[in-house]
Amino acid sequence: PLFYARLEPGLYRVSATYEGVVRTKTIRIGAKGFEET
């Protein structure tokens, strides 16, 4: 249920699929990073 990744700063699209249902979120990784449920 937890997922952590190390990414260079920039703009990303994260796609997470659970039981065929996809959640897509565009995020910006900056100096503070990004954290969300």
PDB file of all heavy atoms in Angstrom:
ATOM      1  N   PRO A   1       0.794  -1.220   0.000  1.00  0.00           N
ATOM      2  CA  PRO A   1       0.000   0.000   0.000  1.00  0.00           C
ATOM      3  C   PRO A   1       0.836   1.285   0.000  1.00  0.00           C
ATOM      4  O   PRO A   1       0.341   2.351  -0.290  1.00  0.00           O
ATOM      5  CB  PRO A   1      -0.828  -0.095   1.273  1.00  0.00           C
ATOM      6  CG  PRO A   1      -0.028  -0.964   2.183  1.00  0.00           C
ATOM      7  CD  PRO A   1       0.710  -1.915   1.294  1.00  0.00           C
ATOM      8  N   LEU A   2       2.127   1.167   0.292  1.00  0.00           N
ATOM      9  CA  LEU A   2       3.017   2.326   0.203  1.00  0.00           C
ATOM     10  C   LEU A   2       3.917   2.159  -1.006  1.00  0.00           C
ATOM     11  O   LEU A   2       4.390   1.063  -1.289  1.00  0.00           O
ATOM     12  CB  LEU A   2       3.879   2.450   1.469  1.00  0.00           C
ATOM     13  CG  LEU A   2       3.133   2.538   2.799  1.00  0.00           C
ATOM     14  CD1 LEU A   2       4.122   2.538   3.958  1.00  0.00           C
ATOM     15  CD2 LEU A   2       2.243   3.750   2.843  1.00  0.00           C
ATOM     16  N   PHE A   3       4.152   3.256  -1.719  1.00  0.00           N
ATOM     17  CA  PHE A   3       5.041   3.236  -2.876  1.00  0.00           C
ATOM     18  C   PHE A   3       5.886   4.496  -2.836  1.00  0.00           C
ATOM     19  O   PHE A   3       5.357   5.607  -2.820  1.00  0.00           O
ATOM     20  CB  PHE A   3       4.250   3.191  -4.188  1.00  0.00           C
ATOM     21  CG  PHE A   3       5.116   3.232  -5.410  1.00  0.00           C
ATOM     22  CD1 PHE A   3       5.675   2.071  -5.908  1.00  0.00           C
ATOM     23  CD2 PHE A   3       5.381   4.433  -6.066  1.00  0.00           C
ATOM     24  CE1 PHE A   3       6.479   2.088  -7.042  1.00  0.00           C
ATOM     25  CE2 PHE A   3       6.183   4.461  -7.188  1.00  0.00           C
ATOM     26  CZ  PHE A   3       6.736   3.296  -7.671  1.00  0.00           C
ATOM     27  N   TYR A   4       7.200   4.328  -2.791  1.00  0.00           N
ATOM     28  CA  TYR A   4       8.134   5.454  -2.776  1.00  0.00           C
ATOM     29  C   TYR A   4       9.046   5.336  -3.985  1.00  0.00           C
ATOM     30  O   TYR A   4       9.508   4.247  -4.320  1.00  0.00           O
ATOM     31  CB  TYR A   4       9.002   5.440  -1.517  1.00  0.00           C
ATOM     32  CG  TYR A   4       8.256   5.534  -0.209  1.00  0.00           C
ATOM     33  CD1 TYR A   4       8.855   5.097   0.960  1.00  0.00           C
ATOM     34  CD2 TYR A   4       6.985   6.076  -0.124  1.00  0.00           C
ATOM     35  CE1 TYR A   4       8.202   5.195   2.182  1.00  0.00           C
ATOM     36  CE2 TYR A   4       6.328   6.171   1.093  1.00  0.00           C
ATOM     37  CZ  TYR A   4       6.936   5.732   2.238  1.00  0.00           C
ATOM     38  OH  TYR A   4       6.294   5.821   3.440  1.00  0.00           O
ATOM     39  N   ALA A   5       9.318   6.474  -4.634  1.00  0.00           N
ATOM     40  CA  ALA A   5      10.240   6.484  -5.768  1.00  0.00           C
ATOM     41  C   ALA A   5      11.133   7.708  -5.676  1.00  0.00           C
ATOM     42  O   ALA A   5      10.770   8.741  -5.103  1.00  0.00           O
ATOM     43  CB  ALA A   5       9.481   6.481  -7.098  1.00  0.00           C
ATOM     44  N   ARG A   6      12.315   7.586  -6.251  1.00  0.00           N
ATOM     45  CA  ARG A   6      13.280   8.692  -6.342  1.00  0.00           C
ATOM     46  C   ARG A   6      13.283   9.164  -7.779  1.00  0.00           C
ATOM     47  O   ARG A   6      13.574   8.383  -8.692  1.00  0.00           O
ATOM     48  CB  ARG A   6      14.672   8.202  -5.931  1.00  0.00           C
ATOM     49  CG  ARG A   6      15.730   9.255  -6.015  1.00  0.00           C
ATOM     50  CD  ARG A   6      15.549  10.241  -4.889  1.00  0.00           C
ATOM     51  NE  ARG A   6      16.430  11.369  -5.103  1.00  0.00           N
ATOM     52  CZ  ARG A   6      16.218  12.559  -4.605  1.00  0.00           C
ATOM     53  NH1 ARG A   6      15.184  12.780  -3.843  1.00  0.00           N
ATOM     54  NH2 ARG A   6      17.051  13.527  -4.839  1.00  0.00           N
ATOM     55  N   LEU A   7      12.929  10.431  -7.991  1.00  0.00           N
ATOM     56  CA  LEU A   7      12.837  10.988  -9.339  1.00  0.00           C
ATOM     57  C   LEU A   7      13.533  12.342  -9.382  1.00  0.00           C
ATOM     58  O   LEU A   7      13.528  13.085  -8.399  1.00  0.00           O
ATOM     59  CB  LEU A   7      11.369  11.170  -9.740  1.00  0.00           C
ATOM     60  CG  LEU A   7      10.503   9.910  -9.715  1.00  0.00           C
ATOM     61  CD1 LEU A   7       9.031  10.275  -9.842  1.00  0.00           C
ATOM     62  CD2 LEU A   7      10.924   8.955 -10.815  1.00  0.00           C
ATOM     63  N   GLU A   8      14.094  12.663 -10.532  1.00  0.00           N
ATOM     64  CA  GLU A   8      14.650  14.004 -10.724  1.00  0.00           C
ATOM     65  C   GLU A   8      13.504  15.010 -10.715  1.00  0.00           C
ATOM     66  O   GLU A   8      12.375  14.668 -11.083  1.00  0.00           O
ATOM     67  CB  GLU A   8      15.377  14.086 -12.069  1.00  0.00           C
ATOM     68  CG  GLU A   8      16.634  13.271 -12.148  1.00  0.00           C
ATOM     69  CD  GLU A   8      17.297  13.405 -13.517  1.00  0.00           C
ATOM     70  OE1 GLU A   8      16.704  13.990 -14.448  1.00  0.00           O
ATOM     71  OE2 GLU A   8      18.422  12.920 -13.641  1.00  0.00           O
ATOM     72  N   PRO A   9      13.776  16.251 -10.319  1.00  0.00           N
ATOM     73  CA  PRO A   9      12.718  17.259 -10.373  1.00  0.00           C
ATOM     74  C   PRO A   9      12.154  17.376 -11.793  1.00  0.00           C
ATOM     75  O   PRO A   9      12.877  17.252 -12.781  1.00  0.00           O
ATOM     76  CB  PRO A   9      13.439  18.550  -9.963  1.00  0.00           C
ATOM     77  CG  PRO A   9      14.582  18.071  -9.112  1.00  0.00           C
ATOM     78  CD  PRO A   9      15.014  16.776  -9.742  1.00  0.00           C
ATOM     79  N   GLY A  10      10.848  17.570 -11.886  1.00  0.00           N
ATOM     80  CA  GLY A  10      10.200  17.704 -13.181  1.00  0.00           C
ATOM     81  C   GLY A  10       8.729  17.354 -13.101  1.00  0.00           C
ATOM     82  O   GLY A  10       8.170  17.116 -12.032  1.00  0.00           O
ATOM     83  N   LEU A  11       8.110  17.312 -14.274  1.00  0.00           N
ATOM     84  CA  LEU A  11       6.685  17.037 -14.415  1.00  0.00           C
ATOM     85  C   LEU A  11       6.484  15.579 -14.822  1.00  0.00           C
ATOM     86  O   LEU A  11       7.113  15.109 -15.779  1.00  0.00           O
ATOM     87  CB  LEU A  11       6.091  17.978 -15.456  1.00  0.00           C
ATOM     88  CG  LEU A  11       4.586  18.101 -15.529  1.00  0.00           C
ATOM     89  CD1 LEU A  11       3.999  18.589 -14.209  1.00  0.00           C
ATOM     90  CD2 LEU A  11       4.204  19.050 -16.660  1.00  0.00           C
ATOM     91  N   TYR A  12       5.597  14.876 -14.108  1.00  0.00           N
ATOM     92  CA  TYR A  12       5.379  13.446 -14.323  1.00  0.00           C
ATOM     93  C   TYR A  12       3.889  13.128 -14.375  1.00  0.00           C
ATOM     94  O   TYR A  12       3.074  13.846 -13.785  1.00  0.00           O
ATOM     95  CB  TYR A  12       5.985  12.621 -13.176  1.00  0.00           C
ATOM     96  CG  TYR A  12       7.474  12.684 -13.089  1.00  0.00           C
ATOM     97  CD1 TYR A  12       8.115  13.710 -12.401  1.00  0.00           C
ATOM     98  CD2 TYR A  12       8.267  11.711 -13.687  1.00  0.00           C
ATOM     99  CE1 TYR A  12       9.494  13.769 -12.318  1.00  0.00           C
ATOM    100  CE2 TYR A  12       9.653  11.753 -13.598  1.00  0.00           C
ATOM    101  CZ  TYR A  12      10.252  12.786 -12.913  1.00  0.00           C
ATOM    102  OH  TYR A  12      11.617  12.832 -12.825  1.00  0.00           O
ATOM    103  N   ARG A  13       3.567  12.033 -15.044  1.00  0.00           N
ATOM    104  CA  ARG A  13       2.232  11.459 -14.988  1.00  0.00           C
ATOM    105  C   ARG A  13       2.367  10.096 -14.326  1.00  0.00           C
ATOM    106  O   ARG A  13       3.114   9.247 -14.790  1.00  0.00           O
ATOM    107  CB  ARG A  13       1.616  11.291 -16.370  1.00  0.00           C
ATOM    108  CG  ARG A  13       0.200  10.691 -16.290  1.00  0.00           C
ATOM    109  CD  ARG A  13      -0.465  10.530 -17.644  1.00  0.00           C
ATOM    110  NE  ARG A  13      -0.579  11.812 -18.300  1.00  0.00           N
ATOM    111  CZ  ARG A  13      -0.007  12.111 -19.487  1.00  0.00           C
ATOM    112  NH1 ARG A  13       0.708  11.217 -20.132  1.00  0.00           N
ATOM    113  NH2 ARG A  13      -0.151  13.296 -20.019  1.00  0.00           N
ATOM    114  N   VAL A  14       1.641   9.912 -13.222  1.00  0.00           N
ATOM    115  CA  VAL A  14       1.650   8.642 -12.504  1.00  0.00           C
ATOM    116  C   VAL A  14       0.338   7.931 -12.793  1.00  0.00           C
ATOM    117  O   VAL A  14      -0.740   8.514 -12.621  1.00  0.00           O
ATOM    118  CB  VAL A  14       1.793   8.864 -10.971  1.00  0.00           C
ATOM    119  CG1 VAL A  14       1.704   7.545 -10.231  1.00  0.00           C
ATOM    120  CG2 VAL A  14       3.084   9.584 -10.654  1.00  0.00           C
ATOM    121  N   SER A  15       0.431   6.685 -13.243  1.00  0.00           N
ATOM    122  CA  SER A  15      -0.754   5.853 -13.470  1.00  0.00           C
ATOM    123  C   SER A  15      -0.666   4.656 -12.539  1.00  0.00           C
ATOM    124  O   SER A  15       0.323   3.916 -12.569  1.00  0.00           O
ATOM    125  CB  SER A  15      -0.823   5.379 -14.919  1.00  0.00           C
ATOM    126  OG  SER A  15      -0.935   6.474 -15.793  1.00  0.00           O
ATOM    127  N   ALA A  16      -1.711   4.489 -11.729  1.00  0.00           N
ATOM    128  CA  ALA A  16      -1.769   3.375 -10.785  1.00  0.00           C
ATOM    129  C   ALA A  16      -3.022   2.565 -11.108  1.00  0.00           C
ATOM    130  O   ALA A  16      -4.119   3.124 -11.190  1.00  0.00           O
ATOM    131  CB  ALA A  16      -1.813   3.885  -9.358  1.00  0.00           C
ATOM    132  N   THR A  17      -2.853   1.261 -11.277  1.00  0.00           N
ATOM    133  CA  THR A  17      -3.969   0.392 -11.634  1.00  0.00           C
ATOM    134  C   THR A  17      -4.222  -0.611 -10.514  1.00  0.00           C
ATOM    135  O   THR A  17      -3.303  -1.301 -10.081  1.00  0.00           O
ATOM    136  CB  THR A  17      -3.670  -0.370 -12.941  1.00  0.00           C
ATOM    137  OG1 THR A  17      -3.349   0.573 -13.967  1.00  0.00           O
ATOM    138  CG2 THR A  17      -4.866  -1.211 -13.368  1.00  0.00           C
ATOM    139  N   TYR A  18      -5.488  -0.671 -10.080  1.00  0.00           N
ATOM    140  CA  TYR A  18      -5.905  -1.637  -9.075  1.00  0.00           C
ATOM    141  C   TYR A  18      -7.180  -2.308  -9.568  1.00  0.00           C
ATOM    142  O   TYR A  18      -8.182  -1.633  -9.820  1.00  0.00           O
ATOM    143  CB  TYR A  18      -6.144  -0.955  -7.727  1.00  0.00           C
ATOM    144  CG  TYR A  18      -6.637  -1.909  -6.664  1.00  0.00           C
ATOM    145  CD1 TYR A  18      -5.786  -2.857  -6.106  1.00  0.00           C
ATOM    146  CD2 TYR A  18      -7.959  -1.877  -6.238  1.00  0.00           C
ATOM    147  CE1 TYR A  18      -6.236  -3.743  -5.137  1.00  0.00           C
ATOM    148  CE2 TYR A  18      -8.409  -2.757  -5.267  1.00  0.00           C
ATOM    149  CZ  TYR A  18      -7.548  -3.689  -4.726  1.00  0.00           C
ATOM    150  OH  TYR A  18      -7.997  -4.576  -3.780  1.00  0.00           O
ATOM    151  N   GLU A  19      -7.121  -3.616  -9.722  1.00  0.00           N
ATOM    152  CA  GLU A  19      -8.248  -4.416 -10.192  1.00  0.00           C
ATOM    153  C   GLU A  19      -8.886  -3.809 -11.439  1.00  0.00           C
ATOM    154  O   GLU A  19     -10.111  -3.688 -11.536  1.00  0.00           O
ATOM    155  CB  GLU A  19      -9.272  -4.620  -9.073  1.00  0.00           C
ATOM    156  CG  GLU A  19      -8.742  -5.458  -7.935  1.00  0.00           C
ATOM    157  CD  GLU A  19      -9.787  -5.781  -6.872  1.00  0.00           C
ATOM    158  OE1 GLU A  19     -10.876  -5.161  -6.858  1.00  0.00           O
ATOM    159  OE2 GLU A  19      -9.487  -6.670  -6.050  1.00  0.00           O
ATOM    160  N   GLY A  20      -8.062  -3.389 -12.386  1.00  0.00           N
ATOM    161  CA  GLY A  20      -8.527  -2.865 -13.666  1.00  0.00           C
ATOM    162  C   GLY A  20      -8.930  -1.408 -13.663  1.00  0.00           C
ATOM    163  O   GLY A  20      -9.211  -0.838 -14.713  1.00  0.00           O
ATOM    164  N   VAL A  21      -8.976  -0.766 -12.507  1.00  0.00           N
ATOM    165  CA  VAL A  21      -9.349   0.651 -12.412  1.00  0.00           C
ATOM    166  C   VAL A  21      -8.077   1.478 -12.316  1.00  0.00           C
ATOM    167  O   VAL A  21      -7.242   1.262 -11.442  1.00  0.00           O
ATOM    168  CB  VAL A  21     -10.248   0.911 -11.178  1.00  0.00           C
ATOM    169  CG1 VAL A  21     -10.587   2.390 -11.062  1.00  0.00           C
ATOM    170  CG2 VAL A  21     -11.507   0.068 -11.252  1.00  0.00           C
ATOM    171  N   VAL A  22      -7.940   2.437 -13.248  1.00  0.00           N
ATOM    172  CA  VAL A  22      -6.725   3.253 -13.339  1.00  0.00           C
ATOM    173  C   VAL A  22      -6.972   4.634 -12.745  1.00  0.00           C
ATOM    174  O   VAL A  22      -7.976   5.280 -13.051  1.00  0.00           O
ATOM    175  CB  VAL A  22      -6.268   3.399 -14.810  1.00  0.00           C
ATOM    176  CG1 VAL A  22      -5.004   4.240 -14.900  1.00  0.00           C
ATOM    177  CG2 VAL A  22      -6.069   2.047 -15.454  1.00  0.00           C
ATOM    178  N   ARG A  23      -6.053   5.060 -11.911  1.00  0.00           N
ATOM    179  CA  ARG A  23      -6.027   6.436 -11.408  1.00  0.00           C
ATOM    180  C   ARG A  23      -4.781   7.084 -12.008  1.00  0.00           C
ATOM    181  O   ARG A  23      -3.680   6.547 -11.882  1.00  0.00           O
ATOM    182  CB  ARG A  23      -5.924   6.478  -9.887  1.00  0.00           C
ATOM    183  CG  ARG A  23      -7.111   5.932  -9.176  1.00  0.00           C
ATOM    184  CD  ARG A  23      -8.214   6.999  -9.122  1.00  0.00           C
ATOM    185  NE  ARG A  23      -9.344   6.518  -8.386  1.00  0.00           N
ATOM    186  CZ  ARG A  23     -10.472   6.091  -8.957  1.00  0.00           C
ATOM    187  NH1 ARG A  23     -10.581   6.065 -10.255  1.00  0.00           N
ATOM    188  NH2 ARG A  23     -11.480   5.700  -8.225  1.00  0.00           N
ATOM    189  N   THR A  24      -4.988   8.236 -12.658  1.00  0.00           N
ATOM    190  CA  THR A  24      -3.865   8.945 -13.276  1.00  0.00           C
ATOM    191  C   THR A  24      -3.784  10.331 -12.661  1.00  0.00           C
ATOM    192  O   THR A  24      -4.797  11.007 -12.493  1.00  0.00           O
ATOM    193  CB  THR A  24      -4.065   9.049 -14.805  1.00  0.00           C
ATOM    194  OG1 THR A  24      -4.187   7.730 -15.329  1.00  0.00           O
ATOM    195  CG2 THR A  24      -2.889   9.742 -15.461  1.00  0.00           C
ATOM    196  N   LYS A  25      -2.559  10.727 -12.340  1.00  0.00           N
ATOM    197  CA  LYS A  25      -2.346  12.025 -11.705  1.00  0.00           C
ATOM    198  C   LYS A  25      -1.090  12.653 -12.287  1.00  0.00           C
ATOM    199  O   LYS A  25      -0.060  11.999 -12.395  1.00  0.00           O
ATOM    200  CB  LYS A  25      -2.193  11.843 -10.211  1.00  0.00           C
ATOM    201  CG  LYS A  25      -2.018  13.128  -9.451  1.00  0.00           C
ATOM    202  CD  LYS A  25      -2.673  13.014  -8.104  1.00  0.00           C
ATOM    203  CE  LYS A  25      -2.705  14.325  -7.381  1.00  0.00           C
ATOM    204  NZ  LYS A  25      -3.881  15.092  -7.609  1.00  0.00           N
ATOM    205  N   THR A  26      -1.184  13.910 -12.671  1.00  0.00           N
ATOM    206  CA  THR A  26      -0.015  14.658 -13.114  1.00  0.00           C
ATOM    207  C   THR A  26       0.550  15.365 -11.889  1.00  0.00           C
ATOM    208  O   THR A  26      -0.179  16.032 -11.153  1.00  0.00           O
ATOM    209  CB  THR A  26      -0.388  15.675 -14.205  1.00  0.00           C
ATOM    210  OG1 THR A  26      -0.963  14.969 -15.310  1.00  0.00           O
ATOM    211  CG2 THR A  26       0.834  16.451 -14.676  1.00  0.00           C
ATOM    212  N   ILE A  27       1.849  15.186 -11.684  1.00  0.00           N
ATOM    213  CA  ILE A  27       2.497  15.730 -10.491  1.00  0.00           C
ATOM    214  C   ILE A  27       3.775  16.469 -10.867  1.00  0.00           C
ATOM    215  O   ILE A  27       4.350  16.229 -11.921  1.00  0.00           O
ATOM    216  CB  ILE A  27       2.833  14.621  -9.470  1.00  0.00           C
ATOM    217  CG1 ILE A  27       3.835  13.631 -10.064  1.00  0.00           C
ATOM    218  CG2 ILE A  27       1.579  13.907  -9.007  1.00  0.00           C
ATOM    219  CD1 ILE A  27       4.453  12.696  -9.057  1.00  0.00           C
ATOM    220  N   ARG A  28       4.178  17.349 -10.000  1.00  0.00           N
ATOM    221  CA  ARG A  28       5.461  18.043 -10.154  1.00  0.00           C
ATOM    222  C   ARG A  28       6.346  17.657  -8.976  1.00  0.00           C
ATOM    223  O   ARG A  28       5.970  17.848  -7.824  1.00  0.00           O
ATOM    224  CB  ARG A  28       5.283  19.548 -10.210  1.00  0.00           C
ATOM    225  CG  ARG A  28       6.612  20.297 -10.355  1.00  0.00           C
ATOM    226  CD  ARG A  28       6.442  21.778 -10.570  1.00  0.00           C
ATOM    227  NE  ARG A  28       5.592  22.112 -11.689  1.00  0.00           N
ATOM    228  CZ  ARG A  28       5.966  22.117 -12.984  1.00  0.00           C
ATOM    229  NH1 ARG A  28       7.189  21.774 -13.295  1.00  0.00           N
ATOM    230  NH2 ARG A  28       5.128  22.448 -13.933  1.00  0.00           N
ATOM    231  N   ILE A  29       7.513  17.132  -9.294  1.00  0.00           N
ATOM    232  CA  ILE A  29       8.498  16.830  -8.268  1.00  0.00           C
ATOM    233  C   ILE A  29       9.410  18.044  -8.161  1.00  0.00           C
ATOM    234  O   ILE A  29      10.054  18.432  -9.136  1.00  0.00           O
ATOM    235  CB  ILE A  29       9.336  15.577  -8.615  1.00  0.00           C
ATOM    236  CG1 ILE A  29       8.449  14.338  -8.732  1.00  0.00           C
ATOM    237  CG2 ILE A  29      10.444  15.368  -7.594  1.00  0.00           C
ATOM    238  CD1 ILE A  29       7.844  13.867  -7.442  1.00  0.00           C
ATOM    239  N   GLY A  30       9.411  18.649  -6.997  1.00  0.00           N
ATOM    240  CA  GLY A  30      10.265  19.800  -6.746  1.00  0.00           C
ATOM    241  C   GLY A  30      11.176  19.514  -5.577  1.00  0.00           C
ATOM    242  O   GLY A  30      11.436  18.365  -5.232  1.00  0.00           O
ATOM    243  N   ALA A  31      11.629  20.568  -4.937  1.00  0.00           N
ATOM    244  CA  ALA A  31      12.566  20.422  -3.819  1.00  0.00           C
ATOM    245  C   ALA A  31      11.950  19.642  -2.653  1.00  0.00           C
ATOM    246  O   ALA A  31      12.637  18.883  -1.985  1.00  0.00           O
ATOM    247  CB  ALA A  31      13.013  21.799  -3.348  1.00  0.00           C
ATOM    248  N   LYS A  32      10.651  19.820  -2.422  1.00  0.00           N
ATOM    249  CA  LYS A  32      10.006  19.139  -1.303  1.00  0.00           C
ATOM    250  C   LYS A  32       9.470  17.762  -1.671  1.00  0.00           C
ATOM    251  O   LYS A  32       9.029  17.033  -0.800  1.00  0.00           O
ATOM    252  CB  LYS A  32       8.855  19.989  -0.770  1.00  0.00           C
ATOM    253  CG  LYS A  32       9.313  21.255  -0.096  1.00  0.00           C
ATOM    254  CD  LYS A  32       8.137  21.980   0.497  1.00  0.00           C
ATOM    255  CE  LYS A  32       8.582  23.247   1.190  1.00  0.00           C
ATOM    256  NZ  LYS A  32       7.469  23.955   1.805  1.00  0.00           N
ATOM    257  N   GLY A  33       9.437  17.431  -2.933  1.00  0.00           N
ATOM    258  CA  GLY A  33       8.885  16.152  -3.339  1.00  0.00           C
ATOM    259  C   GLY A  33       7.375  16.206  -3.424  1.00  0.00           C
ATOM    260  O   GLY A  33       6.767  17.282  -3.429  1.00  0.00           O
ATOM    261  N   PHE A  34       6.757  15.035  -3.467  1.00  0.00           N
ATOM    262  CA  PHE A  34       5.310  14.937  -3.617  1.00  0.00           C
ATOM    263  C   PHE A  34       4.815  13.760  -2.787  1.00  0.00           C
ATOM    264  O   PHE A  34       5.370  12.669  -2.866  1.00  0.00           O
ATOM    265  CB  PHE A  34       4.940  14.732  -5.091  1.00  0.00           C
ATOM    266  CG  PHE A  34       3.469  14.729  -5.351  1.00  0.00           C
ATOM    267  CD1 PHE A  34       2.792  15.905  -5.587  1.00  0.00           C
ATOM    268  CD2 PHE A  34       2.756  13.546  -5.341  1.00  0.00           C
ATOM    269  CE1 PHE A  34       1.424  15.905  -5.819  1.00  0.00           C
ATOM    270  CE2 PHE A  34       1.398  13.524  -5.572  1.00  0.00           C
ATOM    271  CZ  PHE A  34       0.730  14.703  -5.811  1.00  0.00           C
ATOM    272  N   GLU A  35       3.753  13.994  -2.014  1.00  0.00           N
ATOM    273  CA  GLU A  35       3.190  12.950  -1.176  1.00  0.00           C
ATOM    274  C   GLU A  35       1.673  13.026  -1.234  1.00  0.00           C
ATOM    275  O   GLU A  35       1.108  14.109  -1.058  1.00  0.00           O
ATOM    276  CB  GLU A  35       3.668  13.110   0.266  1.00  0.00           C
ATOM    277  CG  GLU A  35       3.287  11.978   1.158  1.00  0.00           C
ATOM    278  CD  GLU A  35       4.038  12.000   2.488  1.00  0.00           C
ATOM    279  OE1 GLU A  35       5.034  12.725   2.619  1.00  0.00           O
ATOM    280  OE2 GLU A  35       3.613  11.264   3.381  1.00  0.00           O
ATOM    281  N   GLU A  36       1.022  11.880  -1.481  1.00  0.00           N
ATOM    282  CA  GLU A  36      -0.439  11.877  -1.583  1.00  0.00           C
ATOM    283  C   GLU A  36      -0.978  10.462  -1.420  1.00  0.00           C
ATOM    284  O   GLU A  36      -0.263   9.485  -1.653  1.00  0.00           O
ATOM    285  CB  GLU A  36      -0.891  12.435  -2.938  1.00  0.00           C
ATOM    286  CG  GLU A  36      -2.385  12.629  -3.022  1.00  0.00           C
ATOM    287  CD  GLU A  36      -2.793  13.488  -4.200  1.00  0.00           C
ATOM    288  OE1 GLU A  36      -2.163  14.539  -4.436  1.00  0.00           O
ATOM    289  OE2 GLU A  36      -3.733  13.094  -4.903  1.00  0.00           O
ATOM    290  N   THR A  37      -2.255  10.378  -1.052  1.00  0.00           N
ATOM    291  CA  THR A  37      -2.963   9.106  -1.003  1.00  0.00           C
ATOM    292  C   THR A  37      -3.915   9.060  -2.187  1.00  0.00           C
ATOM    293  O   THR A  37      -4.659  10.017  -2.410  1.00  0.00           O
ATOM    294  CB  THR A  37      -3.749   8.938   0.313  1.00  0.00           C
ATOM    295  OG1 THR A  37      -2.814   8.976   1.401  1.00  0.00           O
ATOM    296  CG2 THR A  37      -4.496   7.624   0.348  1.00  0.00           C
TER     297      THR A  37
END
